[in-house]
Amino acid sequence: MNRRPFLAGLFACFALVALVALARADEKVLYEKPSIFGTIVVTEDDNGLRVLRFGRGGARQSVVKLGDPDYLALPYVQVALVGLALSDDPRRFLVVGLGGGTLPMFLRKHYPNATIDAVDIDPEVVNVAKQFFGFREDKLMRAHVADGRQFIEQSRQPYDAIFLDAFGSDSVPKQLTTQEFLRAVRRAVTPDGVVVGNIWGRYSNPLYDSMVRTYQEVFDELLILDVRGAGNMILLALPRKQPLSRDELTRLARKVSAAKRFPFDLGEPGKYGFPDAQAKSQHGRVLQDRDIEQREPERYDSKAFGY
């Protein structure tokens, strides 16, 4: 075995832990309360940035600069927004996983006439998003306290863009990875729409190849983007054939960010990693509901991923 990549990864982990510990030393706790899915912790640093965590030792789930919905501190969010390039003039959004409301609030600013539904299984997360992170419902943007899978299965009006940003303690819960679930997601998205999935990459996710294979079985087209230096991957799934090169996706993404006046170039994330998702991996299998063991409900409609 080549030990150099292993040692490099180990040193990187130590450095990340040290940086996180240093950052937390400058944070004050604004709120800490147990919920049915774990302890919710809200902190604020000397620069006024507010952070949502699940447990004092947890990773950052949301980072919000109050009054500035364009502030996106977590790198995966910008990459996920590349999916907007694959839906022509989206008017209905669904976000599974509210967290601090970062993604819905960004969408509200740049798509002011769109309908935005955000779903979270934990009512305390919704309360915290409103109390500490500036999330505000209006006639077009609503937060729903519900099981994300059931919400999608029961939806009647399709969405132009669906963001699946739901994690348990260390991965996407199995209920949100199966062929049956993704078929429900496909039914809930418009023919010209896009589904954006956020998952851990292969090096930290034993089911990575199987998750990708399951998306491939359900959707007609799949593009994969690497979140540079973060360890997770963004899946862009389409219910239609639309093969795109990296340059074509970059051009479409750049067009969206210019038209919507994003504070960043949406074409940049598409340049980093564009793994081939055309051939079906022989290392993965199709994940199905029958493989899931019955167990207590997990926290999986709130972001449990971040750096």
Protein backbone atom coordinates (compact mmCIF):
# COMPACT_ATOMS: atom_id res chain seq x y z
CA MET A 1 0.00 0.00 0.00
CA ASN A 2 1.23 3.49 -0.84
CA ARG A 3 1.36 5.26 2.53
CA ARG A 4 1.93 8.78 1.21
CA PRO A 5 -1.73 9.54 0.34
CA PHE A 6 -2.79 8.06 3.67
CA LEU A 7 -0.30 10.16 5.64
CA ALA A 8 -1.19 13.28 3.67
CA GLY A 9 -4.86 12.71 4.43
CA LEU A 10 -4.08 12.10 8.11
CA PHE A 11 -2.09 15.33 8.39
CA ALA A 12 -4.87 17.21 6.63
CA CYS A 13 -7.38 15.87 9.16
CA PHE A 14 -5.16 16.96 12.06
CA ALA A 15 -4.81 20.42 10.54
CA LEU A 16 -8.57 20.68 10.06
CA VAL A 17 -9.22 19.66 13.67
CA ALA A 18 -6.71 22.27 14.87
CA LEU A 19 -8.32 25.00 12.77
CA VAL A 20 -11.80 24.06 13.98
CA ALA A 21 -10.67 24.09 17.60
CA LEU A 22 -9.05 27.49 17.13
CA ALA A 23 -12.16 28.89 15.48
CA ARG A 24 -14.43 27.63 18.25
CA ALA A 25 -12.27 29.25 20.90
CA ASP A 26 -13.44 32.62 19.57
CA GLU A 27 -17.13 31.69 19.47
CA LYS A 28 -19.75 32.33 22.11
CA VAL A 29 -22.76 30.09 22.55
CA LEU A 30 -26.05 31.89 21.90
CA TYR A 31 -28.32 28.89 22.17
CA GLU A 32 -28.08 25.26 23.22
CA LYS A 33 -31.05 22.95 23.56
CA PRO A 34 -31.69 19.22 23.23
CA SER A 35 -34.24 18.18 20.64
CA ILE A 36 -35.62 14.76 19.77
CA PHE A 37 -32.83 14.34 17.22
CA GLY A 38 -29.87 15.75 19.15
CA THR A 39 -28.56 18.91 20.77
CA ILE A 40 -28.85 22.08 18.72
CA VAL A 41 -26.06 24.61 19.27
CA VAL A 42 -25.89 28.14 17.86
CA THR A 43 -22.66 30.13 18.20
CA GLU A 44 -21.43 33.54 17.07
CA ASP A 45 -17.83 34.58 16.44
CA ASP A 46 -16.14 37.98 16.78
CA ASN A 47 -17.06 38.83 13.18
CA GLY A 48 -20.75 38.29 13.78
CA LEU A 49 -20.95 35.02 11.86
CA ARG A 50 -23.50 32.64 13.31
CA VAL A 51 -23.01 28.89 13.11
CA LEU A 52 -25.44 26.01 13.57
CA ARG A 53 -24.12 22.72 14.92
CA PHE A 54 -25.66 19.54 16.24
CA GLY A 55 -23.73 19.11 19.48
CA ARG A 56 -20.81 21.20 20.72
CA GLY A 57 -18.36 18.95 18.93
CA GLY A 58 -20.34 18.83 15.71
CA ALA A 59 -19.36 20.15 12.31
CA ARG A 60 -20.75 23.39 10.96
CA GLN A 61 -24.17 22.83 9.41
CA SER A 62 -24.92 26.40 8.42
CA VAL A 63 -22.94 29.62 8.56
CA VAL A 64 -24.93 32.84 8.25
CA LYS A 65 -23.95 36.48 8.13
CA LEU A 66 -27.11 38.21 9.29
CA GLY A 67 -28.61 40.47 6.68
CA ASP A 68 -26.43 39.08 3.86
CA PRO A 69 -28.05 36.10 2.08
CA ASP A 70 -25.24 36.16 -0.49
CA TYR A 71 -22.72 35.08 2.14
CA LEU A 72 -22.07 31.37 1.48
CA ALA A 73 -19.28 30.14 3.73
CA LEU A 74 -19.60 26.41 3.11
CA PRO A 75 -18.04 25.46 -0.23
CA TYR A 76 -20.56 22.83 -1.26
CA VAL A 77 -23.41 25.37 -1.50
CA GLN A 78 -21.95 27.19 -4.51
CA VAL A 79 -21.30 23.87 -6.24
CA ALA A 80 -24.88 22.74 -5.58
CA LEU A 81 -26.15 25.96 -7.17
CA VAL A 82 -24.61 24.88 -10.49
CA GLY A 83 -27.75 22.78 -10.81
CA LEU A 84 -29.65 25.99 -11.55
CA ALA A 85 -27.99 25.98 -14.98
CA LEU A 86 -29.96 22.85 -15.87
CA SER A 87 -33.45 24.20 -15.23
CA ASP A 88 -34.77 26.87 -17.55
CA ASP A 89 -36.28 29.73 -15.53
CA PRO A 90 -37.10 27.71 -12.36
CA ARG A 91 -40.16 28.92 -10.48
CA ARG A 92 -40.66 26.18 -7.88
CA PHE A 93 -37.90 25.02 -5.52
CA LEU A 94 -37.80 22.29 -2.89
CA VAL A 95 -34.98 22.13 -0.33
CA VAL A 96 -34.86 19.02 1.86
CA GLY A 97 -32.90 20.12 4.92
CA LEU A 98 -33.43 23.64 6.27
CA GLY A 99 -30.54 24.03 8.69
CA GLY A 100 -30.02 27.77 9.20
CA GLY A 101 -31.87 28.52 5.97
CA THR A 102 -28.79 29.53 3.96
CA LEU A 103 -29.84 27.99 0.65
CA PRO A 104 -33.54 29.02 0.75
CA MET A 105 -32.60 32.59 1.69
CA PHE A 106 -30.13 32.81 -1.20
CA LEU A 107 -32.77 31.50 -3.61
CA ARG A 108 -35.34 33.96 -2.24
CA LYS A 109 -33.06 36.93 -2.96
CA HIS A 110 -32.23 35.94 -6.53
CA TYR A 111 -35.56 34.34 -7.46
CA PRO A 112 -37.99 36.72 -5.72
CA ASN A 113 -41.07 35.45 -7.57
CA ALA A 114 -40.38 31.75 -7.07
CA THR A 115 -42.17 29.38 -4.70
CA ILE A 116 -39.71 27.86 -2.21
CA ASP A 117 -40.56 24.96 0.10
CA ALA A 118 -38.00 23.97 2.74
CA VAL A 119 -38.57 20.75 4.68
CA ASP A 120 -37.09 19.76 8.02
CA ILE A 121 -38.07 16.92 10.31
CA ASP A 122 -37.08 18.79 13.49
CA PRO A 123 -39.35 21.66 14.63
CA GLU A 124 -36.54 23.04 16.80
CA VAL A 125 -34.34 23.55 13.75
CA VAL A 126 -37.10 25.57 12.10
CA ASN A 127 -37.47 27.66 15.27
CA VAL A 128 -33.72 28.28 15.49
CA ALA A 129 -33.50 29.25 11.80
CA LYS A 130 -36.13 31.92 12.43
CA GLN A 131 -34.86 33.09 15.81
CA PHE A 132 -31.11 33.22 15.18
CA PHE A 133 -30.41 33.08 11.45
CA GLY A 134 -32.86 35.53 9.94
CA PHE A 135 -34.96 32.97 8.08
CA ARG A 136 -38.36 34.46 7.32
CA GLU A 137 -41.35 32.82 5.73
CA ASP A 138 -43.51 34.80 3.32
CA LYS A 139 -46.36 34.07 0.94
CA LEU A 140 -43.99 32.25 -1.43
CA MET A 141 -41.40 30.73 0.94
CA ARG A 142 -42.50 28.23 3.56
CA ALA A 143 -40.80 25.96 6.07
CA HIS A 144 -42.51 22.60 6.57
CA VAL A 145 -41.92 20.43 9.62
CA ALA A 146 -42.20 17.02 8.00
CA ASP A 147 -40.42 13.84 7.03
CA GLY A 148 -38.62 14.75 3.82
CA ARG A 149 -39.32 11.48 2.07
CA GLN A 150 -43.00 11.54 2.93
CA PHE A 151 -43.24 15.17 1.83
CA ILE A 152 -41.85 14.28 -1.59
CA GLU A 153 -43.99 11.17 -1.93
CA GLN A 154 -47.11 13.17 -1.16
CA SER A 155 -46.29 16.20 -3.32
CA ARG A 156 -48.77 16.87 -6.10
CA GLN A 157 -47.32 19.86 -7.95
CA PRO A 158 -43.85 19.21 -9.40
CA TYR A 159 -40.78 21.33 -8.70
CA ASP A 160 -38.31 22.77 -11.18
CA ALA A 161 -35.34 22.18 -8.85
CA ILE A 162 -35.08 19.82 -5.89
CA PHE A 163 -32.09 20.07 -3.53
CA LEU A 164 -31.44 16.94 -1.45
CA ASP A 165 -29.15 18.20 1.30
CA ALA A 166 -30.03 15.81 4.09
CA PHE A 167 -27.49 13.99 6.25
CA GLY A 168 -27.51 11.84 9.33
CA SER A 169 -24.59 11.75 11.74
CA ASP A 170 -22.15 10.50 9.12
CA SER A 171 -23.92 9.98 5.81
CA VAL A 172 -27.12 10.33 3.85
CA PRO A 173 -29.72 8.20 5.68
CA LYS A 174 -30.47 5.03 3.82
CA GLN A 175 -34.13 5.94 3.37
CA LEU A 176 -33.01 8.78 1.10
CA THR A 177 -30.68 6.69 -1.06
CA THR A 178 -32.93 3.96 -2.42
CA GLN A 179 -34.34 3.40 -5.86
CA GLU A 180 -37.88 3.71 -4.54
CA PHE A 181 -37.15 7.09 -2.96
CA LEU A 182 -35.41 8.45 -6.04
CA ARG A 183 -38.32 7.33 -8.21
CA ALA A 184 -40.57 9.47 -6.01
CA VAL A 185 -38.12 12.34 -6.43
CA ARG A 186 -38.23 11.92 -10.19
CA ARG A 187 -42.02 12.07 -10.13
CA ALA A 188 -41.78 15.28 -8.09
CA VAL A 189 -39.53 17.14 -10.55
CA THR A 190 -40.65 18.68 -13.85
CA PRO A 191 -39.45 17.13 -17.14
CA ASP A 192 -37.22 20.17 -17.67
CA GLY A 193 -36.09 20.31 -14.05
CA VAL A 194 -33.08 19.13 -12.07
CA VAL A 195 -32.40 17.18 -8.87
CA VAL A 196 -29.30 18.16 -6.89
CA GLY A 197 -27.91 15.60 -4.44
CA ASN A 198 -25.16 16.19 -1.88
CA ILE A 199 -23.25 13.06 -0.79
CA TRP A 200 -19.88 12.12 0.68
CA GLY A 201 -17.23 11.10 -1.82
CA ARG A 202 -15.78 7.62 -2.31
CA TYR A 203 -12.94 7.94 0.23
CA SER A 204 -15.26 8.48 3.18
CA ASN A 205 -18.42 6.80 1.90
CA PRO A 206 -18.47 2.99 1.39
CA LEU A 207 -21.77 3.31 -0.47
CA TYR A 208 -20.61 6.02 -2.87
CA ASP A 209 -20.58 3.79 -5.97
CA SER A 210 -23.93 2.29 -5.03
CA MET A 211 -25.49 5.72 -4.49
CA VAL A 212 -24.26 6.85 -7.91
CA ARG A 213 -25.43 3.61 -9.52
CA THR A 214 -28.91 4.07 -8.02
CA TYR A 215 -29.17 7.61 -9.40
CA GLN A 216 -28.13 6.24 -12.79
CA GLU A 217 -30.88 3.63 -12.71
CA VAL A 218 -33.58 6.21 -11.95
CA PHE A 219 -32.55 9.26 -13.98
CA ASP A 220 -31.73 9.63 -17.67
CA GLU A 221 -28.68 11.82 -17.18
CA LEU A 222 -26.24 12.28 -14.31
CA LEU A 223 -23.40 14.77 -13.90
CA ILE A 224 -21.02 14.70 -10.94
CA LEU A 225 -19.12 17.67 -9.53
CA ASP A 226 -16.33 17.50 -6.99
CA VAL A 227 -16.44 20.01 -4.13
CA ARG A 228 -12.82 21.06 -4.20
CA GLY A 229 -11.00 20.11 -1.01
CA ALA A 230 -14.19 19.28 0.90
CA GLY A 231 -14.65 15.54 0.42
CA ASN A 232 -18.21 15.53 -0.84
CA MET A 233 -19.71 15.30 -4.32
CA ILE A 234 -22.65 17.05 -5.92
CA LEU A 235 -24.88 14.95 -8.18
CA LEU A 236 -26.91 16.71 -10.89
CA ALA A 237 -29.66 14.33 -12.00
CA LEU A 238 -31.97 14.94 -14.96
CA PRO A 239 -35.21 13.17 -15.95
CA ARG A 240 -34.20 13.51 -19.62
CA LYS A 241 -31.25 12.99 -21.91
CA GLN A 242 -29.04 16.08 -21.97
CA PRO A 243 -25.37 15.13 -22.34
CA LEU A 244 -23.10 18.04 -21.52
CA SER A 245 -19.37 18.57 -21.59
CA ARG A 246 -17.59 20.42 -18.80
CA ASP A 247 -17.24 23.48 -21.00
CA GLU A 248 -20.94 23.45 -21.88
CA LEU A 249 -22.00 23.19 -18.24
CA THR A 250 -19.58 25.98 -17.30
CA ARG A 251 -21.03 28.23 -20.00
CA LEU A 252 -24.62 27.60 -18.88
CA ALA A 253 -23.74 28.13 -15.22
CA ARG A 254 -21.89 31.36 -15.95
CA LYS A 255 -24.90 32.62 -17.90
CA VAL A 256 -27.18 32.04 -14.88
CA SER A 257 -24.93 33.81 -12.38
CA ALA A 258 -24.58 36.80 -14.70
CA ALA A 259 -28.32 37.05 -15.38
CA LYS A 260 -29.24 36.68 -11.71
CA ARG A 261 -26.36 38.86 -10.51
CA PHE A 262 -24.81 36.32 -8.18
CA PRO A 263 -21.83 37.69 -6.23
CA PHE A 264 -19.66 34.90 -7.68
CA ASP A 265 -19.05 33.18 -11.00
CA LEU A 266 -21.20 30.05 -11.02
CA GLY A 267 -19.07 28.66 -13.82
CA GLU A 268 -16.04 28.23 -11.55
CA PRO A 269 -17.27 25.20 -9.52
CA GLY A 270 -17.90 23.23 -12.70
CA LYS A 271 -14.20 23.30 -13.52
CA TYR A 272 -13.19 21.14 -10.58
CA GLY A 273 -13.83 17.47 -11.06
CA PHE A 274 -16.22 16.15 -13.64
CA PRO A 275 -16.17 12.39 -13.05
CA ASP A 276 -17.64 10.29 -15.84
CA ALA A 277 -21.13 9.20 -14.88
CA GLN A 278 -22.08 7.69 -18.24
CA ALA A 279 -20.86 4.15 -17.62
CA LYS A 280 -22.56 2.35 -14.77
CA SER A 281 -20.09 1.43 -12.05
CA GLN A 282 -19.51 -2.27 -11.60
CA HIS A 283 -18.45 -1.60 -8.02
CA GLY A 284 -21.89 -0.45 -6.92
CA ARG A 285 -25.33 -2.01 -6.62
CA VAL A 286 -28.81 -0.57 -6.82
CA LEU A 287 -29.96 0.36 -3.31
CA GLN A 288 -33.52 -0.70 -2.49
CA ASP A 289 -35.96 -0.29 0.38
CA ARG A 290 -35.94 -4.01 1.17
CA ASP A 291 -32.28 -3.74 2.18
CA ILE A 292 -33.02 -1.20 4.92
CA GLU A 293 -33.28 -2.45 8.47
CA GLN A 294 -36.16 -1.12 10.55
CA ARG A 295 -34.90 1.27 13.20
CA GLU A 296 -35.67 4.49 15.04
CA PRO A 297 -36.01 7.64 12.89
CA GLU A 298 -32.78 9.49 12.16
CA ARG A 299 -32.18 13.20 11.91
CA TYR A 300 -32.01 13.48 8.19
CA ASP A 301 -33.89 16.57 7.14
CA SER A 302 -31.39 18.99 8.65
CA LYS A 303 -27.94 19.65 7.35
CA ALA A 304 -25.42 17.49 9.15
CA PHE A 305 -22.55 18.25 6.85
CA GLY A 306 -20.05 21.05 6.73
CA TYR A 307 -16.59 22.40 7.33
